[in-house]
Protein backbone atom coordinates (compact mmCIF):
# COMPACT_ATOMS: atom_id res chain seq x y z
CA MET A 1 -71.10 7.93 -24.06
CA THR A 2 -69.30 5.41 -25.85
CA ILE A 3 -66.89 3.04 -24.32
CA ASN A 4 -63.87 4.78 -25.78
CA SER A 5 -64.97 7.98 -24.09
CA ILE A 6 -65.39 6.33 -20.84
CA TRP A 7 -61.94 4.70 -21.20
CA PHE A 8 -60.32 8.04 -22.16
CA LEU A 9 -62.00 9.94 -19.45
CA SER A 10 -60.98 7.28 -16.92
CA GLY A 11 -57.46 7.37 -18.24
CA TYR A 12 -57.36 11.22 -17.95
CA GLY A 13 -58.59 11.25 -14.62
CA ILE A 14 -56.00 8.78 -13.35
CA ALA A 15 -53.23 10.37 -15.15
CA LEU A 16 -54.27 13.64 -13.58
CA ILE A 17 -54.32 12.33 -10.13
CA LEU A 18 -51.06 10.79 -10.41
CA MET A 19 -49.35 13.78 -11.96
CA LEU A 20 -50.95 16.05 -9.24
CA TYR A 21 -50.00 13.96 -6.30
CA PHE A 22 -46.57 12.75 -7.10
CA GLY A 23 -45.67 16.27 -8.68
CA LEU A 24 -46.84 18.23 -5.61
CA ASN A 25 -45.46 15.66 -3.28
CA ALA A 26 -41.94 15.98 -4.78
CA LEU A 27 -42.25 19.64 -4.73
CA VAL A 28 -42.74 19.68 -1.16
CA VAL A 29 -40.07 17.27 -0.42
CA SER A 30 -37.65 19.47 -2.58
CA LEU A 31 -38.63 22.50 -0.63
CA MET A 32 -37.99 20.94 2.62
CA GLY A 33 -34.65 19.88 1.80
CA ASN A 34 -31.91 22.16 0.28
CA PRO A 35 -31.95 25.99 0.24
CA PHE A 36 -35.14 27.04 -1.88
CA PRO A 37 -34.14 27.80 -5.41
CA ASN A 38 -32.44 24.52 -5.83
CA VAL A 39 -32.11 22.31 -9.06
CA GLN A 40 -34.47 19.43 -8.01
CA PHE A 41 -37.29 22.00 -7.57
CA ILE A 42 -36.82 23.60 -10.87
CA THR A 43 -36.76 20.26 -12.65
CA ILE A 44 -39.74 18.85 -11.05
CA LEU A 45 -41.74 22.08 -11.79
CA ALA A 46 -40.55 21.82 -15.42
CA LEU A 47 -41.68 18.34 -15.68
CA ILE A 48 -45.02 19.09 -14.09
CA PHE A 49 -45.40 21.91 -16.69
CA ILE A 50 -44.33 19.37 -19.45
CA VAL A 51 -46.79 16.62 -18.36
CA ALA A 52 -49.67 18.92 -17.92
CA TRP A 53 -48.98 20.30 -21.24
CA SER A 54 -48.99 16.75 -22.87
CA ILE A 55 -52.14 15.82 -21.35
CA GLY A 56 -53.86 18.99 -22.43
CA LEU A 57 -52.71 18.48 -26.19
CA GLY A 58 -54.02 14.86 -25.86
CA VAL A 59 -57.31 16.13 -24.52
CA ARG A 60 -57.51 18.85 -27.34
CA ARG A 61 -56.57 16.36 -30.03
CA TYR A 62 -59.22 13.88 -28.76
CA LEU A 63 -61.91 16.57 -28.77
CA THR A 64 -61.38 17.66 -32.16
CA TYR A 65 -62.95 14.42 -33.77
CA PHE A 66 -66.38 15.18 -32.44
CA THR A 67 -69.19 17.31 -33.24
CA LYS A 68 -69.95 20.45 -31.34
CA GLU A 69 -72.80 19.07 -29.33
CA ARG A 70 -70.79 16.08 -28.39
CA LYS A 71 -67.71 18.18 -27.80
CA ASN A 72 -69.72 20.46 -25.44
CA LYS A 73 -70.76 17.50 -23.37
CA LEU A 74 -67.23 15.91 -23.24
CA GLN A 75 -65.61 19.29 -22.24
CA ARG A 76 -68.11 19.47 -19.24
CA SER A 77 -67.06 15.79 -18.50
CA PHE A 78 -63.29 16.79 -18.49
CA VAL A 79 -63.95 19.94 -16.21
CA GLY A 80 -65.98 17.62 -13.63
CA ILE A 81 -63.12 14.84 -13.74
CA THR A 82 -60.52 17.78 -13.20
CA ALA A 83 -62.35 19.05 -10.05
CA MET A 84 -62.85 15.59 -8.65
CA SER A 85 -59.04 14.82 -9.45
CA TRP A 86 -58.20 17.84 -7.26
CA ILE A 87 -60.67 16.85 -4.50
CA ILE A 88 -59.00 13.29 -4.59
CA VAL A 89 -55.48 14.70 -4.29
CA LEU A 90 -56.39 17.03 -1.45
CA ILE A 91 -57.95 14.06 0.40
CA LEU A 92 -54.76 11.92 -0.29
CA PHE A 93 -52.60 14.79 1.28
CA SER A 94 -54.72 14.95 4.06
CA ILE A 95 -54.60 11.40 4.94
CA ALA A 96 -50.79 11.04 4.41
């Protein structure tokens, strides 16, 4: 892997962890506040979808520059980092 790939994968992991932690935390807080179908919940849910879509488009655009063999290797790396990000977020929720 090149340095650029490592930087991009690291940035992807950090962005995913931040989005998941703060997004899910805000959803839980909005559920415990006002009656359930409130504006805050819908806004946060929409923002999570927009940010996740943007991250996905960025990854897709990044992967178009590589050959098929290299793309498959990076795709496996992205899947692994996604799983690790979820595990880290679950650990953070269990600690807090």
